[in-house]
Amino acid sequence: MIRIDFIWLATEPMDMRAGTETALARVITVFGAAKPHCAYLFTNRRATRMKVLVHDGFGIWLAARRLNQGKFHWPGIRQGPEFELNTEQLQALVLGLPWQRMGSGGAITLL
C-alpha cells in the first residue's frame, strides 16, 4: 500500500505523546529532511512503544506500536544518531526480536 525504500531508526528517545507535526519536526532535526518513500522510527525511553513516520511522496503517515511484554531492541545513542534498517530487520524489530543480529536471508545468526 505504501512504498518504503529506506527505513531509518533514530537512537534518541522521543516523547510518545508527540503527534504528526512534532514527529515530523523531530525527523527533520535528526535526519535533516523527511524524504519521500522513507520510514523513520522512534521509541520512548523504556523502549516499550514505537512510532513510525512515513513520507509516501504525497503526505505523512504516523503509526504507533506498543509491546505488552518485553521491549524493543533499540541501539544506544553512543552508536550514532541514526541507523538504516532493511525490511527483515524492521520485521524483527516490530516483533520485539533482536534485529541487530539478523543475517542474510532473515536468519538470526547469534543470540
PDB file of N, CA and C in Angstrom:
ATOM      1  N   MET A   1       0.813  -1.186   0.000  1.00  0.00           N
ATOM      2  CA  MET A   1       0.000   0.000   0.000  1.00  0.00           C
ATOM      3  C   MET A   1       0.866   1.263   0.000  1.00  0.00           C
ATOM      4  N   ILE A   2       1.891   1.298   0.830  1.00  0.00           N
ATOM      5  CA  ILE A   2       2.792   2.443   0.895  1.00  0.00           C
ATOM      6  C   ILE A   2       4.178   1.965   0.506  1.00  0.00           C
ATOM      7  N   ARG A   3       4.780   2.599  -0.484  1.00  0.00           N
ATOM      8  CA  ARG A   3       6.127   2.218  -0.908  1.00  0.00           C
ATOM      9  C   ARG A   3       7.140   2.809   0.066  1.00  0.00           C
ATOM     10  N   ILE A   4       7.980   1.953   0.615  1.00  0.00           N
ATOM     11  CA  ILE A   4       9.043   2.384   1.516  1.00  0.00           C
ATOM     12  C   ILE A   4      10.358   1.851   0.964  1.00  0.00           C
ATOM     13  N   ASP A   5      11.235   2.773   0.579  1.00  0.00           N
ATOM     14  CA  ASP A   5      12.530   2.400   0.019  1.00  0.00           C
ATOM     15  C   ASP A   5      13.628   2.346   1.082  1.00  0.00           C
ATOM     16  N   PHE A   6      13.530   3.208   2.086  1.00  0.00           N
ATOM     17  CA  PHE A   6      14.552   3.263   3.134  1.00  0.00           C
ATOM     18  C   PHE A   6      13.876   3.345   4.497  1.00  0.00           C
ATOM     19  N   ILE A   7      14.468   2.657   5.472  1.00  0.00           N
ATOM     20  CA  ILE A   7      13.943   2.634   6.833  1.00  0.00           C
ATOM     21  C   ILE A   7      15.039   3.156   7.750  1.00  0.00           C
ATOM     22  N   TRP A   8      14.738   4.219   8.477  1.00  0.00           N
ATOM     23  CA  TRP A   8      15.716   4.850   9.356  1.00  0.00           C
ATOM     24  C   TRP A   8      15.236   4.781  10.800  1.00  0.00           C
ATOM     25  N   LEU A   9      16.148   4.487  11.702  1.00  0.00           N
ATOM     26  CA  LEU A   9      15.858   4.369  13.124  1.00  0.00           C
ATOM     27  C   LEU A   9      16.636   5.443  13.863  1.00  0.00           C
ATOM     28  N   ALA A  10      15.953   6.242  14.679  1.00  0.00           N
ATOM     29  CA  ALA A  10      16.607   7.260  15.500  1.00  0.00           C
ATOM     30  C   ALA A  10      16.952   6.644  16.850  1.00  0.00           C
ATOM     31  N   THR A  11      18.161   6.871  17.333  1.00  0.00           N
ATOM     32  CA  THR A  11      18.598   6.236  18.584  1.00  0.00           C
ATOM     33  C   THR A  11      18.154   6.999  19.827  1.00  0.00           C
ATOM     34  N   GLU A  12      17.909   8.296  19.706  1.00  0.00           N
ATOM     35  CA  GLU A  12      17.496   9.086  20.870  1.00  0.00           C
ATOM     36  C   GLU A  12      15.995   8.926  21.092  1.00  0.00           C
ATOM     37  N   PRO A  13      15.563   8.697  22.343  1.00  0.00           N
ATOM     38  CA  PRO A  13      14.131   8.501  22.622  1.00  0.00           C
ATOM     39  C   PRO A  13      13.294   9.742  22.285  1.00  0.00           C
ATOM     40  N   MET A  14      12.007   9.499  22.002  1.00  0.00           N
ATOM     41  CA  MET A  14      11.069  10.572  21.719  1.00  0.00           C
ATOM     42  C   MET A  14       9.857  10.421  22.631  1.00  0.00           C
ATOM     43  N   ASP A  15       9.262  11.525  23.018  1.00  0.00           N
ATOM     44  CA  ASP A  15       8.034  11.520  23.809  1.00  0.00           C
ATOM     45  C   ASP A  15       6.917  10.939  22.944  1.00  0.00           C
ATOM     46  N   MET A  16       6.290   9.873  23.400  1.00  0.00           N
ATOM     47  CA  MET A  16       5.274   9.197  22.600  1.00  0.00           C
ATOM     48  C   MET A  16       3.953   9.957  22.543  1.00  0.00           C
ATOM     49  N   ARG A  17       3.841  11.070  23.267  1.00  0.00           N
ATOM     50  CA  ARG A  17       2.656  11.922  23.146  1.00  0.00           C
ATOM     51  C   ARG A  17       2.733  12.783  21.889  1.00  0.00           C
ATOM     52  N   ALA A  18       3.884  12.767  21.228  1.00  0.00           N
ATOM     53  CA  ALA A  18       4.103  13.583  20.025  1.00  0.00           C
ATOM     54  C   ALA A  18       3.120  13.183  18.928  1.00  0.00           C
ATOM     55  N   GLY A  19       2.552  14.195  18.297  1.00  0.00           N
ATOM     56  CA  GLY A  19       1.669  13.979  17.164  1.00  0.00           C
ATOM     57  C   GLY A  19       2.447  14.063  15.862  1.00  0.00           C
ATOM     58  N   THR A  20       1.725  14.155  14.774  1.00  0.00           N
ATOM     59  CA  THR A  20       2.346  14.162  13.454  1.00  0.00           C
ATOM     60  C   THR A  20       3.315  15.321  13.261  1.00  0.00           C
ATOM     61  N   GLU A  21       2.907  16.524  13.628  1.00  0.00           N
ATOM     62  CA  GLU A  21       3.753  17.700  13.413  1.00  0.00           C
ATOM     63  C   GLU A  21       5.020  17.637  14.256  1.00  0.00           C
ATOM     64  N   THR A  22       4.897  17.223  15.515  1.00  0.00           N
ATOM     65  CA  THR A  22       6.066  17.110  16.392  1.00  0.00           C
ATOM     66  C   THR A  22       7.000  16.017  15.907  1.00  0.00           C
ATOM     67  N   ALA A  23       6.438  14.883  15.479  1.00  0.00           N
ATOM     68  CA  ALA A  23       7.261  13.790  14.954  1.00  0.00           C
ATOM     69  C   ALA A  23       7.962  14.217  13.673  1.00  0.00           C
ATOM     70  N   LEU A  24       7.275  14.954  12.816  1.00  0.00           N
ATOM     71  CA  LEU A  24       7.887  15.448  11.582  1.00  0.00           C
ATOM     72  C   LEU A  24       9.029  16.415  11.893  1.00  0.00           C
ATOM     73  N   ALA A  25       8.825  17.291  12.861  1.00  0.00           N
ATOM     74  CA  ALA A  25       9.890  18.216  13.270  1.00  0.00           C
ATOM     75  C   ALA A  25      11.086  17.446  13.803  1.00  0.00           C
ATOM     76  N   ARG A  26      10.836  16.365  14.523  1.00  0.00           N
ATOM     77  CA  ARG A  26      11.918  15.532  15.056  1.00  0.00           C
ATOM     78  C   ARG A  26      12.679  14.844  13.929  1.00  0.00           C
ATOM     79  N   VAL A  27      11.968  14.362  12.919  1.00  0.00           N
ATOM     80  CA  VAL A  27      12.617  13.740  11.752  1.00  0.00           C
ATOM     81  C   VAL A  27      13.546  14.740  11.081  1.00  0.00           C
ATOM     82  N   ILE A  28      13.068  15.949  10.880  1.00  0.00           N
ATOM     83  CA  ILE A  28      13.886  16.981  10.234  1.00  0.00           C
ATOM     84  C   ILE A  28      15.105  17.314  11.077  1.00  0.00           C
ATOM     85  N   THR A  29      14.952  17.363  12.411  1.00  0.00           N
ATOM     86  CA  THR A  29      16.076  17.647  13.306  1.00  0.00           C
ATOM     87  C   THR A  29      17.117  16.536  13.260  1.00  0.00           C
ATOM     88  N   VAL A  30      16.675  15.294  13.335  1.00  0.00           N
ATOM     89  CA  VAL A  30      17.601  14.150  13.410  1.00  0.00           C
ATOM     90  C   VAL A  30      18.171  13.776  12.042  1.00  0.00           C
ATOM     91  N   PHE A  31      17.325  13.736  11.016  1.00  0.00           N
ATOM     92  CA  PHE A  31      17.732  13.214   9.710  1.00  0.00           C
ATOM     93  C   PHE A  31      17.968  14.290   8.654  1.00  0.00           C
ATOM     94  N   GLY A  32      17.632  15.535   8.969  1.00  0.00           N
ATOM     95  CA  GLY A  32      17.862  16.630   8.036  1.00  0.00           C
ATOM     96  C   GLY A  32      16.689  16.933   7.133  1.00  0.00           C
ATOM     97  N   ALA A  33      15.861  15.950   6.827  1.00  0.00           N
ATOM     98  CA  ALA A  33      14.682  16.124   5.971  1.00  0.00           C
ATOM     99  C   ALA A  33      13.829  14.861   6.055  1.00  0.00           C
ATOM    100  N   ALA A  34      12.568  15.010   5.720  1.00  0.00           N
ATOM    101  CA  ALA A  34      11.678  13.854   5.587  1.00  0.00           C
ATOM    102  C   ALA A  34      11.596  13.555   4.097  1.00  0.00           C
ATOM    103  N   LYS A  35      12.338  12.565   3.663  1.00  0.00           N
ATOM    104  CA  LYS A  35      12.422  12.247   2.236  1.00  0.00           C
ATOM    105  C   LYS A  35      11.280  11.321   1.821  1.00  0.00           C
ATOM    106  N   PRO A  36      10.785  11.478   0.592  1.00  0.00           N
ATOM    107  CA  PRO A  36       9.717  10.609   0.113  1.00  0.00           C
ATOM    108  C   PRO A  36      10.133   9.134   0.120  1.00  0.00           C
ATOM    109  N   HIS A  37       9.171   8.289   0.452  1.00  0.00           N
ATOM    110  CA  HIS A  37       9.326   6.833   0.461  1.00  0.00           C
ATOM    111  C   HIS A  37      10.335   6.369   1.511  1.00  0.00           C
ATOM    112  N   CYS A  38      10.406   7.115   2.605  1.00  0.00           N
ATOM    113  CA  CYS A  38      11.264   6.744   3.737  1.00  0.00           C
ATOM    114  C   CYS A  38      10.411   6.607   4.991  1.00  0.00           C
ATOM    115  N   ALA A  39      10.788   5.653   5.851  1.00  0.00           N
ATOM    116  CA  ALA A  39      10.147   5.465   7.148  1.00  0.00           C
ATOM    117  C   ALA A  39      11.154   5.840   8.227  1.00  0.00           C
ATOM    118  N   TYR A  40      10.679   6.524   9.257  1.00  0.00           N
ATOM    119  CA  TYR A  40      11.523   6.981  10.357  1.00  0.00           C
ATOM    120  C   TYR A  40      10.946   6.434  11.656  1.00  0.00           C
ATOM    121  N   LEU A  41      11.764   5.686  12.415  1.00  0.00           N
ATOM    122  CA  LEU A  41      11.313   5.015  13.618  1.00  0.00           C
ATOM    123  C   LEU A  41      11.863   5.686  14.859  1.00  0.00           C
ATOM    124  N   PHE A  42      11.007   5.810  15.886  1.00  0.00           N
ATOM    125  CA  PHE A  42      11.379   6.379  17.176  1.00  0.00           C
ATOM    126  C   PHE A  42      10.802   5.510  18.282  1.00  0.00           C
ATOM    127  N   THR A  43      11.430   5.530  19.446  1.00  0.00           N
ATOM    128  CA  THR A  43      10.916   4.812  20.605  1.00  0.00           C
ATOM    129  C   THR A  43      10.922   5.731  21.815  1.00  0.00           C
ATOM    130  N   ASN A  44      10.244   5.279  22.876  1.00  0.00           N
ATOM    131  CA  ASN A  44      10.284   6.006  24.143  1.00  0.00           C
ATOM    132  C   ASN A  44      11.507   5.547  24.945  1.00  0.00           C
ATOM    133  N   ARG A  45      11.742   6.159  26.101  1.00  0.00           N
ATOM    134  CA  ARG A  45      12.935   5.829  26.917  1.00  0.00           C
ATOM    135  C   ARG A  45      12.972   4.369  27.349  1.00  0.00           C
ATOM    136  N   ARG A  46      11.824   3.809  27.669  1.00  0.00           N
ATOM    137  CA  ARG A  46      11.781   2.407  28.126  1.00  0.00           C
ATOM    138  C   ARG A  46      11.780   1.413  26.977  1.00  0.00           C
ATOM    139  N   ALA A  47      11.691   1.893  25.743  1.00  0.00           N
ATOM    140  CA  ALA A  47      11.671   1.062  24.530  1.00  0.00           C
ATOM    141  C   ALA A  47      10.501   0.084  24.518  1.00  0.00           C
ATOM    142  N   THR A  48       9.357   0.515  25.077  1.00  0.00           N
ATOM    143  CA  THR A  48       8.154  -0.315  25.064  1.00  0.00           C
ATOM    144  C   THR A  48       7.143   0.173  24.032  1.00  0.00           C
ATOM    145  N   ARG A  49       7.377   1.367  23.497  1.00  0.00           N
ATOM    146  CA  ARG A  49       6.492   1.949  22.487  1.00  0.00           C
ATOM    147  C   ARG A  49       7.321   2.463  21.326  1.00  0.00           C
ATOM    148  N   MET A  50       6.731   2.421  20.135  1.00  0.00           N
ATOM    149  CA  MET A  50       7.428   2.863  18.931  1.00  0.00           C
ATOM    150  C   MET A  50       6.462   3.694  18.085  1.00  0.00           C
ATOM    151  N   LYS A  51       6.996   4.725  17.453  1.00  0.00           N
ATOM    152  CA  LYS A  51       6.239   5.489  16.457  1.00  0.00           C
ATOM    153  C   LYS A  51       7.019   5.448  15.159  1.00  0.00           C
ATOM    154  N   VAL A  52       6.274   5.335  14.062  1.00  0.00           N
ATOM    155  CA  VAL A  52       6.858   5.292  12.732  1.00  0.00           C
ATOM    156  C   VAL A  52       6.209   6.387  11.900  1.00  0.00           C
ATOM    157  N   LEU A  53       7.030   7.275  11.362  1.00  0.00           N
ATOM    158  CA  LEU A  53       6.554   8.320  10.470  1.00  0.00           C
ATOM    159  C   LEU A  53       7.001   7.955   9.066  1.00  0.00           C
ATOM    160  N   VAL A  54       6.071   7.952   8.128  1.00  0.00           N
ATOM    161  CA  VAL A  54       6.373   7.607   6.734  1.00  0.00           C
ATOM    162  C   VAL A  54       5.931   8.760   5.835  1.00  0.00           C
ATOM    163  N   HIS A  55       6.835   9.188   4.969  1.00  0.00           N
ATOM    164  CA  HIS A  55       6.503  10.173   3.930  1.00  0.00           C
ATOM    165  C   HIS A  55       6.298   9.368   2.654  1.00  0.00           C
ATOM    166  N   ASP A  56       5.064   9.321   2.164  1.00  0.00           N
ATOM    167  CA  ASP A  56       4.746   8.484   0.999  1.00  0.00           C
ATOM    168  C   ASP A  56       4.879   9.212  -0.336  1.00  0.00           C
ATOM    169  N   GLY A  57       5.393  10.433  -0.307  1.00  0.00           N
ATOM    170  CA  GLY A  57       5.525  11.210  -1.535  1.00  0.00           C
ATOM    171  C   GLY A  57       4.411  12.227  -1.696  1.00  0.00           C
ATOM    172  N   PHE A  58       3.293  12.036  -0.989  1.00  0.00           N
ATOM    173  CA  PHE A  58       2.154  12.951  -1.054  1.00  0.00           C
ATOM    174  C   PHE A  58       1.820  13.541   0.307  1.00  0.00           C
ATOM    175  N   GLY A  59       2.031  12.758   1.353  1.00  0.00           N
ATOM    176  CA  GLY A  59       1.681  13.180   2.703  1.00  0.00           C
ATOM    177  C   GLY A  59       2.443  12.369   3.736  1.00  0.00           C
ATOM    178  N   ILE A  60       2.047  12.550   4.967  1.00  0.00           N
ATOM    179  CA  ILE A  60       2.734  11.920   6.094  1.00  0.00           C
ATOM    180  C   ILE A  60       1.787  10.926   6.773  1.00  0.00           C
ATOM    181  N   TRP A  61       2.320   9.752   7.109  1.00  0.00           N
ATOM    182  CA  TRP A  61       1.614   8.735   7.881  1.00  0.00           C
ATOM    183  C   TRP A  61       2.325   8.602   9.220  1.00  0.00           C
ATOM    184  N   LEU A  62       1.576   8.452  10.296  1.00  0.00           N
ATOM    185  CA  LEU A  62       2.159   8.231  11.619  1.00  0.00           C
ATOM    186  C   LEU A  62       1.468   7.032  12.245  1.00  0.00           C
ATOM    187  N   ALA A  63       2.261   6.040  12.609  1.00  0.00           N
ATOM    188  CA  ALA A  63       1.723   4.823  13.218  1.00  0.00           C
ATOM    189  C   ALA A  63       2.421   4.592  14.545  1.00  0.00           C
ATOM    190  N   ALA A  64       1.742   3.888  15.444  1.00  0.00           N
ATOM    191  CA  ALA A  64       2.305   3.591  16.763  1.00  0.00           C
ATOM    192  C   ALA A  64       2.178   2.100  17.048  1.00  0.00           C
ATOM    193  N   ARG A  65       3.113   1.586  17.832  1.00  0.00           N
ATOM    194  CA  ARG A  65       3.083   0.182  18.258  1.00  0.00           C
ATOM    195  C   ARG A  65       3.524   0.124  19.709  1.00  0.00           C
ATOM    196  N   ARG A  66       2.861  -0.722  20.493  1.00  0.00           N
ATOM    197  CA  ARG A  66       3.205  -0.904  21.892  1.00  0.00           C
ATOM    198  C   ARG A  66       3.355  -2.390  22.172  1.00  0.00           C
ATOM    199  N   LEU A  67       4.399  -2.732  22.901  1.00  0.00           N
ATOM    200  CA  LEU A  67       4.576  -4.119  23.321  1.00  0.00           C
ATOM    201  C   LEU A  67       3.943  -4.300  24.698  1.00  0.00           C
ATOM    202  N   ASN A  68       3.178  -5.359  24.870  1.00  0.00           N
ATOM    203  CA  ASN A  68       2.579  -5.646  26.172  1.00  0.00           C
ATOM    204  C   ASN A  68       3.582  -6.284  27.118  1.00  0.00           C
ATOM    205  N   GLN A  69       4.555  -6.985  26.571  1.00  0.00           N
ATOM    206  CA  GLN A  69       5.615  -7.604  27.373  1.00  0.00           C
ATOM    207  C   GLN A  69       6.942  -7.346  26.700  1.00  0.00           C
ATOM    208  N   GLY A  70       7.982  -7.205  27.495  1.00  0.00           N
ATOM    209  CA  GLY A  70       9.317  -7.004  26.954  1.00  0.00           C
ATOM    210  C   GLY A  70       9.490  -5.601  26.406  1.00  0.00           C
ATOM    211  N   LYS A  71      10.530  -5.442  25.605  1.00  0.00           N
ATOM    212  CA  LYS A  71      10.789  -4.142  24.995  1.00  0.00           C
ATOM    213  C   LYS A  71      11.457  -4.328  23.648  1.00  0.00           C
ATOM    214  N   PHE A  72      11.447  -3.257  22.862  1.00  0.00           N
ATOM    215  CA  PHE A  72      12.092  -3.283  21.563  1.00  0.00           C
ATOM    216  C   PHE A  72      13.610  -3.278  21.754  1.00  0.00           C
ATOM    217  N   HIS A  73      14.322  -3.962  20.893  1.00  0.00           N
ATOM    218  CA  HIS A  73      15.786  -3.981  20.933  1.00  0.00           C
ATOM    219  C   HIS A  73      16.271  -2.739  20.194  1.00  0.00           C
ATOM    220  N   TRP A  74      16.543  -1.688  20.965  1.00  0.00           N
ATOM    221  CA  TRP A  74      16.888  -0.395  20.382  1.00  0.00           C
ATOM    222  C   TRP A  74      18.348  -0.086  20.660  1.00  0.00           C
ATOM    223  N   PRO A  75      19.088   0.403  19.674  1.00  0.00           N
ATOM    224  CA  PRO A  75      20.501   0.735  19.909  1.00  0.00           C
ATOM    225  C   PRO A  75      20.630   1.980  20.786  1.00  0.00           C
ATOM    226  N   GLY A  76      21.778   2.103  21.445  1.00  0.00           N
ATOM    227  CA  GLY A  76      22.022   3.262  22.287  1.00  0.00           C
ATOM    228  C   GLY A  76      22.482   4.465  21.495  1.00  0.00           C
ATOM    229  N   ILE A  77      22.399   5.621  22.123  1.00  0.00           N
ATOM    230  CA  ILE A  77      22.805   6.870  21.491  1.00  0.00           C
ATOM    231  C   ILE A  77      24.291   6.846  21.154  1.00  0.00           C
ATOM    232  N   ARG A  78      25.073   6.125  21.934  1.00  0.00           N
ATOM    233  CA  ARG A  78      26.522   6.049  21.698  1.00  0.00           C
ATOM    234  C   ARG A  78      26.862   5.451  20.345  1.00  0.00           C
ATOM    235  N   GLN A  79      25.933   4.741  19.741  1.00  0.00           N
ATOM    236  CA  GLN A  79      26.184   4.093  18.457  1.00  0.00           C
ATOM    237  C   GLN A  79      25.855   5.000  17.276  1.00  0.00           C
ATOM    238  N   GLY A  80      25.604   6.283  17.531  1.00  0.00           N
ATOM    239  CA  GLY A  80      25.290   7.240  16.473  1.00  0.00           C
ATOM    240  C   GLY A  80      23.846   7.685  16.571  1.00  0.00           C
ATOM    241  N   PRO A  81      23.481   8.781  15.890  1.00  0.00           N
ATOM    242  CA  PRO A  81      22.121   9.318  15.999  1.00  0.00           C
ATOM    243  C   PRO A  81      21.070   8.541  15.212  1.00  0.00           C
ATOM    244  N   GLU A  82      21.512   7.742  14.204  1.00  0.00           N
ATOM    245  CA  GLU A  82      20.540   7.002  13.405  1.00  0.00           C
ATOM    246  C   GLU A  82      21.163   5.751  12.813  1.00  0.00           C
ATOM    247  N   PHE A  83      20.267   4.822  12.422  1.00  0.00           N
ATOM    248  CA  PHE A  83      20.639   3.570  11.761  1.00  0.00           C
ATOM    249  C   PHE A  83      19.743   3.405  10.543  1.00  0.00           C
ATOM    250  N   GLU A  84      20.262   2.735   9.529  1.00  0.00           N
ATOM    251  CA  GLU A  84      19.416   2.329   8.416  1.00  0.00           C
ATOM    252  C   GLU A  84      19.119   0.845   8.581  1.00  0.00           C
ATOM    253  N   LEU A  85      17.861   0.461   8.446  1.00  0.00           N
ATOM    254  CA  LEU A  85      17.440  -0.929   8.579  1.00  0.00           C
ATOM    255  C   LEU A  85      16.976  -1.461   7.235  1.00  0.00           C
ATOM    256  N   ASN A  86      17.051  -2.782   7.070  1.00  0.00           N
ATOM    257  CA  ASN A  86      16.429  -3.390   5.897  1.00  0.00           C
ATOM    258  C   ASN A  86      15.061  -3.937   6.310  1.00  0.00           C
ATOM    259  N   THR A  87      14.317  -4.458   5.367  1.00  0.00           N
ATOM    260  CA  THR A  87      12.960  -4.926   5.638  1.00  0.00           C
ATOM    261  C   THR A  87      12.925  -6.052   6.661  1.00  0.00           C
ATOM    262  N   GLU A  88      13.852  -6.995   6.578  1.00  0.00           N
ATOM    263  CA  GLU A  88      13.890  -8.113   7.511  1.00  0.00           C
ATOM    264  C   GLU A  88      14.187  -7.625   8.934  1.00  0.00           C
ATOM    265  N   GLN A  89      15.087  -6.661   9.058  1.00  0.00           N
ATOM    266  CA  GLN A  89      15.402  -6.111  10.378  1.00  0.00           C
ATOM    267  C   GLN A  89      14.188  -5.386  10.957  1.00  0.00           C
ATOM    268  N   LEU A  90      13.456  -4.659  10.120  1.00  0.00           N
ATOM    269  CA  LEU A  90      12.252  -3.982  10.586  1.00  0.00           C
ATOM    270  C   LEU A  90      11.223  -4.985  11.086  1.00  0.00           C
ATOM    271  N   GLN A  91      11.015  -6.060  10.339  1.00  0.00           N
ATOM    272  CA  GLN A  91      10.052  -7.079  10.762  1.00  0.00           C
ATOM    273  C   GLN A  91      10.431  -7.667  12.113  1.00  0.00           C
ATOM    274  N   ALA A  92      11.718  -7.939  12.320  1.00  0.00           N
ATOM    275  CA  ALA A  92      12.170  -8.474  13.605  1.00  0.00           C
ATOM    276  C   ALA A  92      11.998  -7.440  14.712  1.00  0.00           C
ATOM    277  N   LEU A  93      12.349  -6.190  14.444  1.00  0.00           N
ATOM    278  CA  LEU A  93      12.223  -5.127  15.438  1.00  0.00           C
ATOM    279  C   LEU A  93      10.786  -4.960  15.896  1.00  0.00           C
ATOM    280  N   VAL A  94       9.855  -4.925  14.964  1.00  0.00           N
ATOM    281  CA  VAL A  94       8.440  -4.735  15.285  1.00  0.00           C
ATOM    282  C   VAL A  94       7.915  -5.865  16.164  1.00  0.00           C
ATOM    283  N   LEU A  95       8.451  -7.060  15.995  1.00  0.00           N
ATOM    284  CA  LEU A  95       8.034  -8.203  16.809  1.00  0.00           C
ATOM    285  C   LEU A  95       8.751  -8.278  18.151  1.00  0.00           C
ATOM    286  N   GLY A  96       9.735  -7.396  18.370  1.00  0.00           N
ATOM    287  CA  GLY A  96      10.489  -7.412  19.618  1.00  0.00           C
ATOM    288  C   GLY A  96      11.674  -8.355  19.593  1.00  0.00           C
ATOM    289  N   LEU A  97      12.085  -8.797  18.397  1.00  0.00           N
ATOM    290  CA  LEU A  97      13.225  -9.708  18.259  1.00  0.00           C
ATOM    291  C   LEU A  97      14.528  -8.921  18.119  1.00  0.00           C
ATOM    292  N   PRO A  98      15.664  -9.559  18.370  1.00  0.00           N
ATOM    293  CA  PRO A  98      16.964  -8.883  18.263  1.00  0.00           C
ATOM    294  C   PRO A  98      17.387  -8.667  16.810  1.00  0.00           C
ATOM    295  N   TRP A  99      16.904  -7.634  16.181  1.00  0.00           N
ATOM    296  CA  TRP A  99      17.134  -7.349  14.769  1.00  0.00           C
ATOM    297  C   TRP A  99      18.591  -7.097  14.446  1.00  0.00           C
ATOM    298  N   GLN A 100      19.394  -6.643  15.416  1.00  0.00           N
ATOM    299  CA  GLN A 100      20.803  -6.341  15.157  1.00  0.00           C
ATOM    300  C   GLN A 100      21.576  -7.591  14.767  1.00  0.00           C
ATOM    301  N   ARG A 101      21.044  -8.738  15.085  1.00  0.00           N
ATOM    302  CA  ARG A 101      21.741  -9.996  14.816  1.00  0.00           C
ATOM    303  C   ARG A 101      21.186 -10.723  13.593  1.00  0.00           C
ATOM    304  N   MET A 102      20.381 -10.035  12.801  1.00  0.00           N
ATOM    305  CA  MET A 102      19.808 -10.660  11.622  1.00  0.00           C
ATOM    306  C   MET A 102      20.880 -10.820  10.558  1.00  0.00           C
ATOM    307  N   GLY A 103      21.007 -12.024  10.027  1.00  0.00           N
ATOM    308  CA  GLY A 103      21.967 -12.290   8.966  1.00  0.00           C
ATOM    309  C   GLY A 103      21.292 -12.220   7.619  1.00  0.00           C
ATOM    310  N   SER A 104      21.977 -12.654   6.610  1.00  0.00           N
ATOM    311  CA  SER A 104      21.389 -12.648   5.272  1.00  0.00           C
ATOM    312  C   SER A 104      20.237 -13.645   5.226  1.00  0.00           C
ATOM    313  N   GLY A 105      19.219 -13.313   4.471  1.00  0.00           N
ATOM    314  CA  GLY A 105      18.059 -14.195   4.343  1.00  0.00           C
ATOM    315  C   GLY A 105      17.143 -14.161   5.536  1.00  0.00           C
ATOM    316  N   GLY A 106      17.345 -13.242   6.460  1.00  0.00           N
ATOM    317  CA  GLY A 106      16.457 -13.108   7.619  1.00  0.00           C
ATOM    318  C   GLY A 106      16.743 -14.090   8.742  1.00  0.00           C
ATOM    319  N   ALA A 107      17.856 -14.829   8.691  1.00  0.00           N
ATOM    320  CA  ALA A 107      18.168 -15.807   9.733  1.00  0.00           C
ATOM    321  C   ALA A 107      18.859 -15.103  10.907  1.00  0.00           C
ATOM    322  N   ILE A 108      18.451 -15.450  12.110  1.00  0.00           N
ATOM    323  CA  ILE A 108      19.125 -14.942  13.300  1.00  0.00           C
ATOM    324  C   ILE A 108      20.380 -15.764  13.467  1.00  0.00           C
ATOM    325  N   THR A 109      21.535 -15.100  13.498  1.00  0.00           N
ATOM    326  CA  THR A 109      22.799 -15.818  13.493  1.00  0.00           C
ATOM    327  C   THR A 109      23.470 -15.938  14.858  1.00  0.00           C
ATOM    328  N   LEU A 110      23.072 -15.128  15.831  1.00  0.00           N
ATOM    329  CA  LEU A 110      23.729 -15.148  17.125  1.00  0.00           C
ATOM    330  C   LEU A 110      22.760 -14.658  18.192  1.00  0.00           C
ATOM    331  N   LEU A 111      22.723 -15.341  19.313  1.00  0.00           N
ATOM    332  CA  LEU A 111      21.891 -14.897  20.436  1.00  0.00           C
ATOM    333  C   LEU A 111      22.749 -14.534  21.615  1.00  0.00           C
TER     334      LEU A 111
END
